[in-house]
Structure formats: C-alpha cells, structure tokens
Amino acid sequence: MRVAIIGRTELLYDSARQLREAGHQIVCIVTAKEAPEYRRGAEDFRLLATEWGIPFANSPKIIECKDFLSQARADIAVSINYSGVIPEKITGMFRHGILNAHGGDLPRYRGNACQAWAILNGEERIGLCIHRMIGDELDSGDIIVRSYLPIDHNTKISAVWEWMAKATPGLMIEAVNRLAADPDYVLERQPKDPKRALRCYPRRPEDGRIDWSRTALDVLRLINASNKPYAGAYCDYEGRRMVIWDAALVDDDEVFCAIPGQVTAIAAGHIEVACGSGKLKIQRVQLEGDDECSPVRCVTSIRKRLT
C-alpha cells in the first residue's frame, strides 16, 4: 500500500524503514519538533525523506499539511506521538484511515504517559496497540493488533521503551498487511462507554520528587516509572539534588523507628533508606553536577537523611 508517515520518535522512524522493506511504498513524511527523550528527531525524518526522494513537512499543526497529504495520494497513514490530536478532516483523507501505535492497554489506558502510569498503578501488564484513529478523539477507534508486556514493581520504564521499540514496527506491518488483505478487519472494537476508559494526563519532571513518607513499594514504583529516558525520581541530599536510578525492596523483618528518608544501613555498593512503611535498597544515584555512581561514594553515615 501507499503509506504516509505522520508523527515522531524512533519507533515511527524504524516503522517507516521496516514498512518500506516489507514492500509498502512510503509516499510522504510529516513530523514535528521532537521531545528531549526521543532518540530520533525532525532532522532524522528529513534526511529519511531525502534518501527516499519523497515530500517532507515539519509542522506542529497537522491541519496545515492537509493539501500536502492530499497530493501524496496515500492509501493509509501510520502515526506515532504526533504533537496534537489529529482531526477528522485529516483521518478522513485516507481510504484505510490512520493507524496509531499506542503504548497503553486499550480500551482502558488512554492519553499520555500510559506506561509510567501503569507502573505507578501496579498493573501486571502493559499493552501496545495498533488502532485505527477516530478524528478529533484520543486513542479511540478499532484495535487492529495488540501485544502485551508482563510487568511488576521491578520493571523500569526503560525496559518498557526497549520492548516497544522492538515490537512496534512488526505490529505496524502486521496491521497494514491485515487491512491490505481485508479493509474491514478488526481485532476488537473499543466501547463508547467512558467508564471503560482511564484518561492519563502528562507527567512532568517535577512529578518525580520522592515522598519518603510513602510506602517503600510506592517509592520504588516512582523510581522505576521516572527512569531513563526520563529525568528520574529525585530527592535532596546535603543541599543537592540526588536522582535515584536503581533501587529494590529490602526484604527483612526488622521492626524499626525512623524518620522517612533516614539512612538505615551502608553496605558494599548500596545504602538502605527508611520509608513510611518498609525500606529501600538504593544501588545507583546521581548527585547534581556529578556522574552516576554507587551511593556509598557520597553517603557515609546512618545519621544522614534523604529529603
């Protein structure tokens, strides 16, 4: 099929390349300014369009590209993380619609930062769905293909991104192929009942501040949900910001009294810190202005506290 590429991220970049290798014709690319955590940006997409000799557009407003997309005469479009909701005037232009790759377990997890929210909420799996978009709506429309990643409290968002990076191109090819063979194919129709959906809103770097009065499990989930490629979960130590990159639950039966954030043990390669309930083993940290390191390099006494 003739395919238009709309959106951002390395997931879309790799999907475009693999769709072309699978025999589909990429006819144009529309992108927008990348987010800081993306490994592929607008310039990468421009170079890709130049390599393939196809039209390229860079705009944060897809409606401004309506004539551009019309001239490409694509049968279908594939989209990941475009910078705004795509209106019906655009989705209706394509005979087979626009396919979106969504890192959330539809029909429930819709919106932004769904992977992080799933970790924070203690879900047992994260979904990756390819669905046919409905114009002016968020993450609605028929699901064409879907895959799952089992997760637990030790799962870092970086592992979820790695899984999505590997899985997305293949799922997108499968979805395009299914619709090429049967334009009416649907794996699951999403319900219209709003009570079936969980709307997730964006997270910001400051949302990663650790509240040590929470349970050790809650703090661990925040550390893992805020992990790379994001800014990380953080606290203050001796007047400097400390980002915590690696932690685990402490499995002991000690009954203790401690102020949340109190350092309770210093061992080979890690420290232990009291939470509102339970303790965390802190294994990798990064003090503001320094490189990532073991916490024992900077925390030397159980009289110290993380705040």
C-alpha atoms as a PDB file:
ATOM      1  CA  MET A   1       0.000   0.000   0.000  1.00  0.00           C
ATOM      2  CA  ARG A   2       0.915   3.662  -0.356  1.00  0.00           C
ATOM      3  CA  VAL A   3       1.710   4.819   3.193  1.00  0.00           C
ATOM      4  CA  ALA A   4       2.007   8.312   4.716  1.00  0.00           C
ATOM      5  CA  ILE A   5       4.169   8.689   7.840  1.00  0.00           C
ATOM      6  CA  ILE A   6       2.844  11.114  10.494  1.00  0.00           C
ATOM      7  CA  GLY A   7       4.455  11.735  13.856  1.00  0.00           C
ATOM      8  CA  ARG A   8       7.667  11.487  15.848  1.00  0.00           C
ATOM      9  CA  THR A   9      10.008   9.176  17.828  1.00  0.00           C
ATOM     10  CA  GLU A  10      12.423   6.430  16.875  1.00  0.00           C
ATOM     11  CA  LEU A  11       9.510   3.981  16.939  1.00  0.00           C
ATOM     12  CA  LEU A  12       7.938   5.712  13.944  1.00  0.00           C
ATOM     13  CA  TYR A  13      11.302   6.112  12.202  1.00  0.00           C
ATOM     14  CA  ASP A  14      12.030   2.379  12.479  1.00  0.00           C
ATOM     15  CA  SER A  15       8.448   1.519  11.490  1.00  0.00           C
ATOM     16  CA  ALA A  16       8.792   3.592   8.309  1.00  0.00           C
ATOM     17  CA  ARG A  17      12.007   1.828   7.352  1.00  0.00           C
ATOM     18  CA  GLN A  18      10.602  -1.639   8.014  1.00  0.00           C
ATOM     19  CA  LEU A  19       7.309  -0.922   6.242  1.00  0.00           C
ATOM     20  CA  ARG A  20       9.319   0.028   3.161  1.00  0.00           C
ATOM     21  CA  GLU A  21      11.457  -3.109   3.477  1.00  0.00           C
ATOM     22  CA  ALA A  22       8.224  -5.131   3.719  1.00  0.00           C
ATOM     23  CA  GLY A  23       7.189  -3.867   0.283  1.00  0.00           C
ATOM     24  CA  HIS A  24       4.955  -0.925   1.125  1.00  0.00           C
ATOM     25  CA  GLN A  25       5.515   2.424  -0.600  1.00  0.00           C
ATOM     26  CA  ILE A  26       6.230   5.331   1.718  1.00  0.00           C
ATOM     27  CA  VAL A  27       4.924   8.411  -0.102  1.00  0.00           C
ATOM     28  CA  CYS A  28       5.466  11.305   2.370  1.00  0.00           C
ATOM     29  CA  ILE A  29       6.552  12.185   5.903  1.00  0.00           C
ATOM     30  CA  VAL A  30       5.009  14.720   8.298  1.00  0.00           C
ATOM     31  CA  THR A  31       6.726  15.322  11.624  1.00  0.00           C
ATOM     32  CA  ALA A  32       7.052  17.941  14.377  1.00  0.00           C
ATOM     33  CA  LYS A  33       9.642  19.030  16.923  1.00  0.00           C
ATOM     34  CA  GLU A  34      10.888  16.117  18.992  1.00  0.00           C
ATOM     35  CA  ALA A  35      10.688  15.771  22.794  1.00  0.00           C
ATOM     36  CA  PRO A  36      14.003  15.691  24.716  1.00  0.00           C
ATOM     37  CA  GLU A  37      13.837  11.946  25.397  1.00  0.00           C
ATOM     38  CA  TYR A  38      13.434  10.940  21.732  1.00  0.00           C
ATOM     39  CA  ARG A  39      16.425   9.348  20.029  1.00  0.00           C
ATOM     40  CA  ARG A  40      15.192  10.420  16.568  1.00  0.00           C
ATOM     41  CA  GLY A  41      14.212  13.974  15.725  1.00  0.00           C
ATOM     42  CA  ALA A  42      12.825  16.067  12.892  1.00  0.00           C
ATOM     43  CA  GLU A  43      16.208  16.202  11.137  1.00  0.00           C
ATOM     44  CA  ASP A  44      16.377  12.392  11.029  1.00  0.00           C
ATOM     45  CA  PHE A  45      12.972  12.282   9.332  1.00  0.00           C
ATOM     46  CA  ARG A  46      14.006  14.994   6.885  1.00  0.00           C
ATOM     47  CA  LEU A  47      17.114  13.004   5.926  1.00  0.00           C
ATOM     48  CA  LEU A  48      14.985   9.873   5.533  1.00  0.00           C
ATOM     49  CA  ALA A  49      12.629  11.698   3.157  1.00  0.00           C
ATOM     50  CA  THR A  50      15.635  12.983   1.189  1.00  0.00           C
ATOM     51  CA  GLU A  51      17.090   9.472   0.998  1.00  0.00           C
ATOM     52  CA  TRP A  52      13.829   8.139  -0.420  1.00  0.00           C
ATOM     53  CA  GLY A  53      13.094  11.155  -2.605  1.00  0.00           C
ATOM     54  CA  ILE A  54       9.668  11.813  -1.080  1.00  0.00           C
ATOM     55  CA  PRO A  55       7.946  15.010   0.184  1.00  0.00           C
ATOM     56  CA  PHE A  56       8.652  16.117   3.754  1.00  0.00           C
ATOM     57  CA  ALA A  57       6.835  18.528   6.101  1.00  0.00           C
ATOM     58  CA  ASN A  58       7.610  19.713   9.628  1.00  0.00           C
ATOM     59  CA  SER A  59       4.651  21.295  11.403  1.00  0.00           C
ATOM     60  CA  PRO A  60       3.077  21.149  14.883  1.00  0.00           C
ATOM     61  CA  LYS A  61      -0.382  21.575  13.295  1.00  0.00           C
ATOM     62  CA  ILE A  62      -1.388  18.710  11.057  1.00  0.00           C
ATOM     63  CA  ILE A  63      -4.266  20.670   9.529  1.00  0.00           C
ATOM     64  CA  GLU A  64      -1.657  22.903   7.878  1.00  0.00           C
ATOM     65  CA  CYS A  65      -0.482  19.815   5.981  1.00  0.00           C
ATOM     66  CA  LYS A  66      -3.892  18.892   4.523  1.00  0.00           C
ATOM     67  CA  ASP A  67      -3.006  19.829   0.929  1.00  0.00           C
ATOM     68  CA  PHE A  68       0.441  18.284   1.332  1.00  0.00           C
ATOM     69  CA  LEU A  69      -1.088  14.959   2.394  1.00  0.00           C
ATOM     70  CA  SER A  70      -3.747  15.100  -0.303  1.00  0.00           C
ATOM     71  CA  GLN A  71      -1.124  15.419  -3.010  1.00  0.00           C
ATOM     72  CA  ALA A  72       0.673  12.291  -1.736  1.00  0.00           C
ATOM     73  CA  ARG A  73      -2.395  10.113  -2.524  1.00  0.00           C
ATOM     74  CA  ALA A  74      -1.677   7.634   0.270  1.00  0.00           C
ATOM     75  CA  ASP A  75      -3.969   4.656   0.905  1.00  0.00           C
ATOM     76  CA  ILE A  76      -3.237   4.660   4.624  1.00  0.00           C
ATOM     77  CA  ALA A  77      -1.222   6.620   7.176  1.00  0.00           C
ATOM     78  CA  VAL A  78       0.677   5.382  10.224  1.00  0.00           C
ATOM     79  CA  SER A  79       1.176   7.696  13.187  1.00  0.00           C
ATOM     80  CA  ILE A  80       3.061   7.666  16.488  1.00  0.00           C
ATOM     81  CA  ASN A  81       3.268  10.527  19.002  1.00  0.00           C
ATOM     82  CA  TYR A  82       2.294  13.385  16.740  1.00  0.00           C
ATOM     83  CA  SER A  83       2.270  16.653  18.681  1.00  0.00           C
ATOM     84  CA  GLY A  84      -1.514  17.115  18.703  1.00  0.00           C
ATOM     85  CA  VAL A  85      -4.836  15.332  18.268  1.00  0.00           C
ATOM     86  CA  ILE A  86      -5.425  14.616  14.569  1.00  0.00           C
ATOM     87  CA  PRO A  87      -8.791  15.973  13.334  1.00  0.00           C
ATOM     88  CA  GLU A  88     -11.393  14.157  11.240  1.00  0.00           C
ATOM     89  CA  LYS A  89     -10.527  16.372   8.266  1.00  0.00           C
ATOM     90  CA  ILE A  90      -7.200  14.521   8.182  1.00  0.00           C
ATOM     91  CA  THR A  91      -8.220  10.995   9.232  1.00  0.00           C
ATOM     92  CA  GLY A  92     -10.973  11.021   6.595  1.00  0.00           C
ATOM     93  CA  MET A  93      -8.489  11.636   3.790  1.00  0.00           C
ATOM     94  CA  PHE A  94      -7.185   8.050   3.736  1.00  0.00           C
ATOM     95  CA  ARG A  95      -9.078   5.114   2.273  1.00  0.00           C
ATOM     96  CA  HIS A  96      -7.873   2.816   5.073  1.00  0.00           C
ATOM     97  CA  GLY A  97      -7.645   5.539   7.738  1.00  0.00           C
ATOM     98  CA  ILE A  98      -4.734   6.339  10.039  1.00  0.00           C
ATOM     99  CA  LEU A  99      -3.160   3.678  12.221  1.00  0.00           C
ATOM    100  CA  ASN A 100      -1.770   4.798  15.565  1.00  0.00           C
ATOM    101  CA  ALA A 101       0.654   2.880  17.787  1.00  0.00           C
ATOM    102  CA  HIS A 102      -0.372   3.420  21.404  1.00  0.00           C
ATOM    103  CA  GLY A 103       1.671   2.264  24.386  1.00  0.00           C
ATOM    104  CA  GLY A 104      -1.284   1.575  26.636  1.00  0.00           C
ATOM    105  CA  ASP A 105      -3.744  -1.254  27.216  1.00  0.00           C
ATOM    106  CA  LEU A 106      -6.721  -0.047  25.206  1.00  0.00           C
ATOM    107  CA  PRO A 107      -9.588   0.406  25.689  1.00  0.00           C
ATOM    108  CA  ARG A 108      -8.614   1.342  29.280  1.00  0.00           C
ATOM    109  CA  TYR A 109      -5.316   3.270  29.251  1.00  0.00           C
ATOM    110  CA  ARG A 110      -5.735   6.320  27.022  1.00  0.00           C
ATOM    111  CA  GLY A 111      -3.788   9.556  26.812  1.00  0.00           C
ATOM    112  CA  ASN A 112      -0.271  10.450  27.915  1.00  0.00           C
ATOM    113  CA  ALA A 113       2.489   8.649  29.830  1.00  0.00           C
ATOM    114  CA  CYS A 114       0.388   5.477  29.968  1.00  0.00           C
ATOM    115  CA  GLN A 115       3.443   3.261  30.522  1.00  0.00           C
ATOM    116  CA  ALA A 116       4.546   5.282  33.563  1.00  0.00           C
ATOM    117  CA  TRP A 117       1.023   5.385  34.983  1.00  0.00           C
ATOM    118  CA  ALA A 118       0.686   1.609  34.548  1.00  0.00           C
ATOM    119  CA  ILE A 119       3.873   1.067  36.588  1.00  0.00           C
ATOM    120  CA  LEU A 120       2.718   3.536  39.254  1.00  0.00           C
ATOM    121  CA  ASN A 121      -0.705   1.883  39.418  1.00  0.00           C
ATOM    122  CA  GLY A 122       0.771  -1.576  39.978  1.00  0.00           C
ATOM    123  CA  GLU A 123      -0.558  -3.120  36.768  1.00  0.00           C
ATOM    124  CA  GLU A 124       0.539  -6.631  35.830  1.00  0.00           C
ATOM    125  CA  ARG A 125       0.991  -5.858  32.121  1.00  0.00           C
ATOM    126  CA  ILE A 126       1.319  -3.028  29.627  1.00  0.00           C
ATOM    127  CA  GLY A 127      -0.421  -3.134  26.271  1.00  0.00           C
ATOM    128  CA  LEU A 128       0.878  -2.000  22.896  1.00  0.00           C
ATOM    129  CA  CYS A 129      -2.000  -1.451  20.475  1.00  0.00           C
ATOM    130  CA  ILE A 130      -2.232  -0.557  16.807  1.00  0.00           C
ATOM    131  CA  HIS A 131      -5.648   1.010  16.338  1.00  0.00           C
ATOM    132  CA  ARG A 132      -7.473   2.907  13.608  1.00  0.00           C
ATOM    133  CA  MET A 133      -7.829   6.528  14.730  1.00  0.00           C
ATOM    134  CA  ILE A 134     -11.090   8.438  15.004  1.00  0.00           C
ATOM    135  CA  GLY A 135     -10.628  12.099  14.132  1.00  0.00           C
ATOM    136  CA  ASP A 136     -10.701  14.612  16.996  1.00  0.00           C
ATOM    137  CA  GLU A 137     -10.676  11.786  19.569  1.00  0.00           C
ATOM    138  CA  LEU A 138      -7.915  10.437  21.761  1.00  0.00           C
ATOM    139  CA  ASP A 139      -6.840   6.792  21.434  1.00  0.00           C
ATOM    140  CA  SER A 140     -10.273   5.613  20.314  1.00  0.00           C
ATOM    141  CA  GLY A 141     -11.129   3.535  17.253  1.00  0.00           C
ATOM    142  CA  ASP A 142     -10.938  -0.141  16.305  1.00  0.00           C
ATOM    143  CA  ILE A 143      -7.955  -2.127  17.601  1.00  0.00           C
ATOM    144  CA  ILE A 144      -6.258  -3.974  14.736  1.00  0.00           C
ATOM    145  CA  VAL A 145      -3.380  -5.755  16.516  1.00  0.00           C
ATOM    146  CA  ARG A 146      -2.153  -5.829  20.114  1.00  0.00           C
ATOM    147  CA  SER A 147       0.684  -7.225  22.230  1.00  0.00           C
ATOM    148  CA  TYR A 148       1.425  -7.293  25.970  1.00  0.00           C
ATOM    149  CA  LEU A 149       4.494  -6.967  28.203  1.00  0.00           C
ATOM    150  CA  PRO A 150       4.191  -8.510  31.691  1.00  0.00           C
ATOM    151  CA  ILE A 151       5.445  -6.096  34.373  1.00  0.00           C
ATOM    152  CA  ASP A 152       5.876  -5.903  38.145  1.00  0.00           C
ATOM    153  CA  HIS A 153       7.231  -3.407  40.679  1.00  0.00           C
ATOM    154  CA  ASN A 154      10.805  -4.036  39.485  1.00  0.00           C
ATOM    155  CA  THR A 155      10.045  -3.108  35.857  1.00  0.00           C
ATOM    156  CA  LYS A 156      11.721   0.116  34.729  1.00  0.00           C
ATOM    157  CA  ILE A 157      10.220   2.399  32.111  1.00  0.00           C
ATOM    158  CA  SER A 158      13.454   1.971  30.117  1.00  0.00           C
ATOM    159  CA  ALA A 159      12.680  -1.744  29.693  1.00  0.00           C
ATOM    160  CA  VAL A 160       9.179  -0.867  28.506  1.00  0.00           C
ATOM    161  CA  TRP A 161      10.604   1.552  25.903  1.00  0.00           C
ATOM    162  CA  GLU A 162      13.037  -1.119  24.692  1.00  0.00           C
ATOM    163  CA  TRP A 163      10.172  -3.582  24.290  1.00  0.00           C
ATOM    164  CA  MET A 164       8.063  -1.031  22.440  1.00  0.00           C
ATOM    165  CA  ALA A 165      10.980  -0.118  20.164  1.00  0.00           C
ATOM    166  CA  LYS A 166      11.410  -3.759  19.158  1.00  0.00           C
ATOM    167  CA  ALA A 167       7.719  -4.641  18.912  1.00  0.00           C
ATOM    168  CA  THR A 168       6.158  -1.584  17.257  1.00  0.00           C
ATOM    169  CA  PRO A 169       7.496  -1.894  13.676  1.00  0.00           C
ATOM    170  CA  GLY A 170       6.448  -5.534  13.392  1.00  0.00           C
ATOM    171  CA  LEU A 171       2.991  -4.840  14.803  1.00  0.00           C
ATOM    172  CA  MET A 172       2.562  -1.905  12.424  1.00  0.00           C
ATOM    173  CA  ILE A 173       3.497  -4.079   9.440  1.00  0.00           C
ATOM    174  CA  GLU A 174       1.052  -6.753  10.628  1.00  0.00           C
ATOM    175  CA  ALA A 175      -1.741  -4.181  10.923  1.00  0.00           C
ATOM    176  CA  VAL A 176      -1.101  -2.666   7.470  1.00  0.00           C
ATOM    177  CA  ASN A 177      -0.944  -6.135   5.915  1.00  0.00           C
ATOM    178  CA  ARG A 178      -4.209  -7.193   7.556  1.00  0.00           C
ATOM    179  CA  LEU A 179      -6.019  -4.130   6.247  1.00  0.00           C
ATOM    180  CA  ALA A 180      -4.497  -4.561   2.802  1.00  0.00           C
ATOM    181  CA  ALA A 181      -5.982  -8.078   2.713  1.00  0.00           C
ATOM    182  CA  ASP A 182      -9.263  -7.143   4.415  1.00  0.00           C
ATOM    183  CA  PRO A 183     -10.150  -3.433   4.814  1.00  0.00           C
ATOM    184  CA  ASP A 184     -12.857  -4.332   7.347  1.00  0.00           C
ATOM    185  CA  TYR A 185     -10.615  -6.381   9.656  1.00  0.00           C
ATOM    186  CA  VAL A 186     -10.980  -5.621  13.394  1.00  0.00           C
ATOM    187  CA  LEU A 187      -9.399  -7.403  16.355  1.00  0.00           C
ATOM    188  CA  GLU A 188     -11.554  -5.558  18.922  1.00  0.00           C
ATOM    189  CA  ARG A 189     -13.953  -2.633  18.747  1.00  0.00           C
ATOM    190  CA  GLN A 190     -13.447  -0.124  21.531  1.00  0.00           C
ATOM    191  CA  PRO A 191     -16.557   0.575  23.625  1.00  0.00           C
ATOM    192  CA  LYS A 192     -18.060   4.053  23.710  1.00  0.00           C
ATOM    193  CA  ASP A 193     -18.759   3.890  27.466  1.00  0.00           C
ATOM    194  CA  PRO A 194     -16.413   6.494  29.071  1.00  0.00           C
ATOM    195  CA  LYS A 195     -16.365   4.466  32.299  1.00  0.00           C
ATOM    196  CA  ARG A 196     -14.338   1.785  30.465  1.00  0.00           C
ATOM    197  CA  ALA A 197     -11.511   4.254  29.819  1.00  0.00           C
ATOM    198  CA  LEU A 198      -8.836   5.620  32.143  1.00  0.00           C
ATOM    199  CA  ARG A 199      -7.662   9.030  30.916  1.00  0.00           C
ATOM    200  CA  CYS A 200      -3.955   9.504  31.658  1.00  0.00           C
ATOM    201  CA  TYR A 201      -2.569  13.027  31.716  1.00  0.00           C
ATOM    202  CA  PRO A 202       1.028  14.127  31.056  1.00  0.00           C
ATOM    203  CA  ARG A 203       3.732  13.834  33.691  1.00  0.00           C
ATOM    204  CA  ARG A 204       6.426  16.451  34.233  1.00  0.00           C
ATOM    205  CA  PRO A 205       9.982  16.101  35.639  1.00  0.00           C
ATOM    206  CA  GLU A 206       8.944  17.583  38.991  1.00  0.00           C
ATOM    207  CA  ASP A 207       6.427  14.753  39.409  1.00  0.00           C
ATOM    208  CA  GLY A 208       9.451  12.559  40.112  1.00  0.00           C
ATOM    209  CA  ARG A 209      10.106  14.117  43.549  1.00  0.00           C
ATOM    210  CA  ILE A 210      10.200  11.332  46.138  1.00  0.00           C
ATOM    211  CA  ASP A 211       7.984  11.482  49.214  1.00  0.00           C
ATOM    212  CA  TRP A 212       9.748   9.166  51.661  1.00  0.00           C
ATOM    213  CA  SER A 213       6.622   9.008  53.851  1.00  0.00           C
ATOM    214  CA  ARG A 214       5.014   6.799  51.192  1.00  0.00           C
ATOM    215  CA  THR A 215       5.470   3.020  51.327  1.00  0.00           C
ATOM    216  CA  ALA A 216       8.706   1.519  50.024  1.00  0.00           C
ATOM    217  CA  LEU A 217       6.690  -0.107  47.229  1.00  0.00           C
ATOM    218  CA  ASP A 218       5.216   3.239  46.166  1.00  0.00           C
ATOM    219  CA  VAL A 219       8.642   4.896  46.119  1.00  0.00           C
ATOM    220  CA  LEU A 220      10.145   2.029  44.123  1.00  0.00           C
ATOM    221  CA  ARG A 221       7.384   2.279  41.536  1.00  0.00           C
ATOM    222  CA  LEU A 222       8.034   6.031  41.227  1.00  0.00           C
ATOM    223  CA  ILE A 223      11.766   5.415  40.733  1.00  0.00           C
ATOM    224  CA  ASN A 224      11.089   2.877  38.000  1.00  0.00           C
ATOM    225  CA  ALA A 225       8.314   4.886  36.310  1.00  0.00           C
ATOM    226  CA  SER A 226      10.510   8.010  36.203  1.00  0.00           C
ATOM    227  CA  ASN A 227      13.623   6.201  34.985  1.00  0.00           C
ATOM    228  CA  LYS A 228      15.586   6.677  31.756  1.00  0.00           C
ATOM    229  CA  PRO A 229      14.923   8.067  29.198  1.00  0.00           C
ATOM    230  CA  TYR A 230      13.143  10.468  31.575  1.00  0.00           C
ATOM    231  CA  ALA A 231      14.643  12.787  34.190  1.00  0.00           C
ATOM    232  CA  GLY A 232      14.474  10.313  37.067  1.00  0.00           C
ATOM    233  CA  ALA A 233      12.961  10.224  40.552  1.00  0.00           C
ATOM    234  CA  TYR A 234      14.822  12.525  42.919  1.00  0.00           C
ATOM    235  CA  CYS A 235      15.232  13.879  46.424  1.00  0.00           C
ATOM    236  CA  ASP A 236      17.612  16.264  48.200  1.00  0.00           C
ATOM    237  CA  TYR A 237      20.820  15.244  49.935  1.00  0.00           C
ATOM    238  CA  GLU A 238      23.061  17.697  51.729  1.00  0.00           C
ATOM    239  CA  GLY A 239      21.633  20.593  49.730  1.00  0.00           C
ATOM    240  CA  ARG A 240      21.996  18.919  46.313  1.00  0.00           C
ATOM    241  CA  ARG A 241      19.516  17.096  44.130  1.00  0.00           C
ATOM    242  CA  MET A 242      20.015  13.341  44.107  1.00  0.00           C
ATOM    243  CA  VAL A 243      18.467  11.284  41.314  1.00  0.00           C
ATOM    244  CA  ILE A 244      17.936   7.616  42.195  1.00  0.00           C
ATOM    245  CA  TRP A 245      18.284   5.327  39.192  1.00  0.00           C
ATOM    246  CA  ASP A 246      18.320   1.863  40.734  1.00  0.00           C
ATOM    247  CA  ALA A 247      16.607   0.524  43.856  1.00  0.00           C
ATOM    248  CA  ALA A 248      14.955  -2.588  45.277  1.00  0.00           C
ATOM    249  CA  LEU A 249      12.772  -3.517  48.208  1.00  0.00           C
ATOM    250  CA  VAL A 250      14.572  -4.539  51.401  1.00  0.00           C
ATOM    251  CA  ASP A 251      13.390  -7.991  52.410  1.00  0.00           C
ATOM    252  CA  ASP A 252      13.844  -8.183  56.181  1.00  0.00           C
ATOM    253  CA  ASP A 253      11.629  -8.455  59.226  1.00  0.00           C
ATOM    254  CA  GLU A 254      13.168  -5.624  61.199  1.00  0.00           C
ATOM    255  CA  VAL A 255      10.739  -3.631  63.288  1.00  0.00           C
ATOM    256  CA  PHE A 256      12.106  -0.098  63.350  1.00  0.00           C
ATOM    257  CA  CYS A 257      11.516   3.519  64.228  1.00  0.00           C
ATOM    258  CA  ALA A 258      12.951   6.028  61.770  1.00  0.00           C
ATOM    259  CA  ILE A 259      12.132   9.316  60.141  1.00  0.00           C
ATOM    260  CA  PRO A 260      11.188   8.676  56.472  1.00  0.00           C
ATOM    261  CA  GLY A 261      14.309   9.240  54.376  1.00  0.00           C
ATOM    262  CA  GLN A 262      16.636   8.112  57.177  1.00  0.00           C
ATOM    263  CA  VAL A 263      19.670   6.123  56.024  1.00  0.00           C
ATOM    264  CA  THR A 264      19.439   2.863  57.980  1.00  0.00           C
ATOM    265  CA  ALA A 265      22.384   0.911  56.597  1.00  0.00           C
ATOM    266  CA  ILE A 266      25.519   1.333  54.488  1.00  0.00           C
ATOM    267  CA  ALA A 267      26.812  -1.812  52.812  1.00  0.00           C
ATOM    268  CA  ALA A 268      29.027  -2.848  49.925  1.00  0.00           C
ATOM    269  CA  GLY A 269      27.640  -0.991  46.904  1.00  0.00           C
ATOM    270  CA  HIS A 270      24.348   0.188  48.394  1.00  0.00           C
ATOM    271  CA  ILE A 271      22.582   2.005  51.189  1.00  0.00           C
ATOM    272  CA  GLU A 272      19.220   1.330  52.802  1.00  0.00           C
ATOM    273  CA  VAL A 273      16.660   4.055  53.422  1.00  0.00           C
ATOM    274  CA  ALA A 274      13.540   4.061  55.605  1.00  0.00           C
ATOM    275  CA  CYS A 275      10.179   4.854  54.031  1.00  0.00           C
ATOM    276  CA  GLY A 276       6.790   5.444  55.635  1.00  0.00           C
ATOM    277  CA  SER A 277       6.445   1.670  55.563  1.00  0.00           C
ATOM    278  CA  GLY A 278       9.355  -0.625  54.764  1.00  0.00           C
ATOM    279  CA  LYS A 279      12.823   0.193  53.454  1.00  0.00           C
ATOM    280  CA  LEU A 280      14.519   0.557  50.087  1.00  0.00           C
ATOM    281  CA  LYS A 281      17.938  -0.607  48.973  1.00  0.00           C
ATOM    282  CA  ILE A 282      19.433   2.246  46.902  1.00  0.00           C
ATOM    283  CA  GLN A 283      22.023   0.999  44.405  1.00  0.00           C
ATOM    284  CA  ARG A 284      22.698   3.752  41.841  1.00  0.00           C
ATOM    285  CA  VAL A 285      22.388   7.508  42.287  1.00  0.00           C
ATOM    286  CA  GLN A 286      23.456  10.723  40.602  1.00  0.00           C
ATOM    287  CA  LEU A 287      24.167  13.871  42.567  1.00  0.00           C
ATOM    288  CA  GLU A 288      23.531  17.150  40.778  1.00  0.00           C
ATOM    289  CA  GLY A 289      26.597  18.029  38.723  1.00  0.00           C
ATOM    290  CA  ASP A 290      28.216  14.583  39.091  1.00  0.00           C
ATOM    291  CA  ASP A 291      28.199  11.317  37.189  1.00  0.00           C
ATOM    292  CA  GLU A 292      26.063   8.334  38.124  1.00  0.00           C
ATOM    293  CA  CYS A 293      27.661   6.282  40.908  1.00  0.00           C
ATOM    294  CA  SER A 294      27.158   3.988  43.882  1.00  0.00           C
ATOM    295  CA  PRO A 295      25.522   5.846  46.804  1.00  0.00           C
ATOM    296  CA  VAL A 296      28.274   4.755  49.222  1.00  0.00           C
ATOM    297  CA  ARG A 297      30.551   7.264  47.492  1.00  0.00           C
ATOM    298  CA  CYS A 298      28.548  10.161  48.906  1.00  0.00           C
ATOM    299  CA  VAL A 299      26.546   8.755  51.846  1.00  0.00           C
ATOM    300  CA  THR A 300      28.878   7.787  54.653  1.00  0.00           C
ATOM    301  CA  SER A 301      26.782   7.729  57.843  1.00  0.00           C
ATOM    302  CA  ILE A 302      23.429   6.392  59.058  1.00  0.00           C
ATOM    303  CA  ARG A 303      22.927   9.812  60.627  1.00  0.00           C
ATOM    304  CA  LYS A 304      22.304  11.179  57.129  1.00  0.00           C
ATOM    305  CA  ARG A 305      18.862  11.656  55.625  1.00  0.00           C
ATOM    306  CA  LEU A 306      17.432  11.964  52.138  1.00  0.00           C
ATOM    307  CA  THR A 307      14.724  14.618  51.997  1.00  0.00           C
END
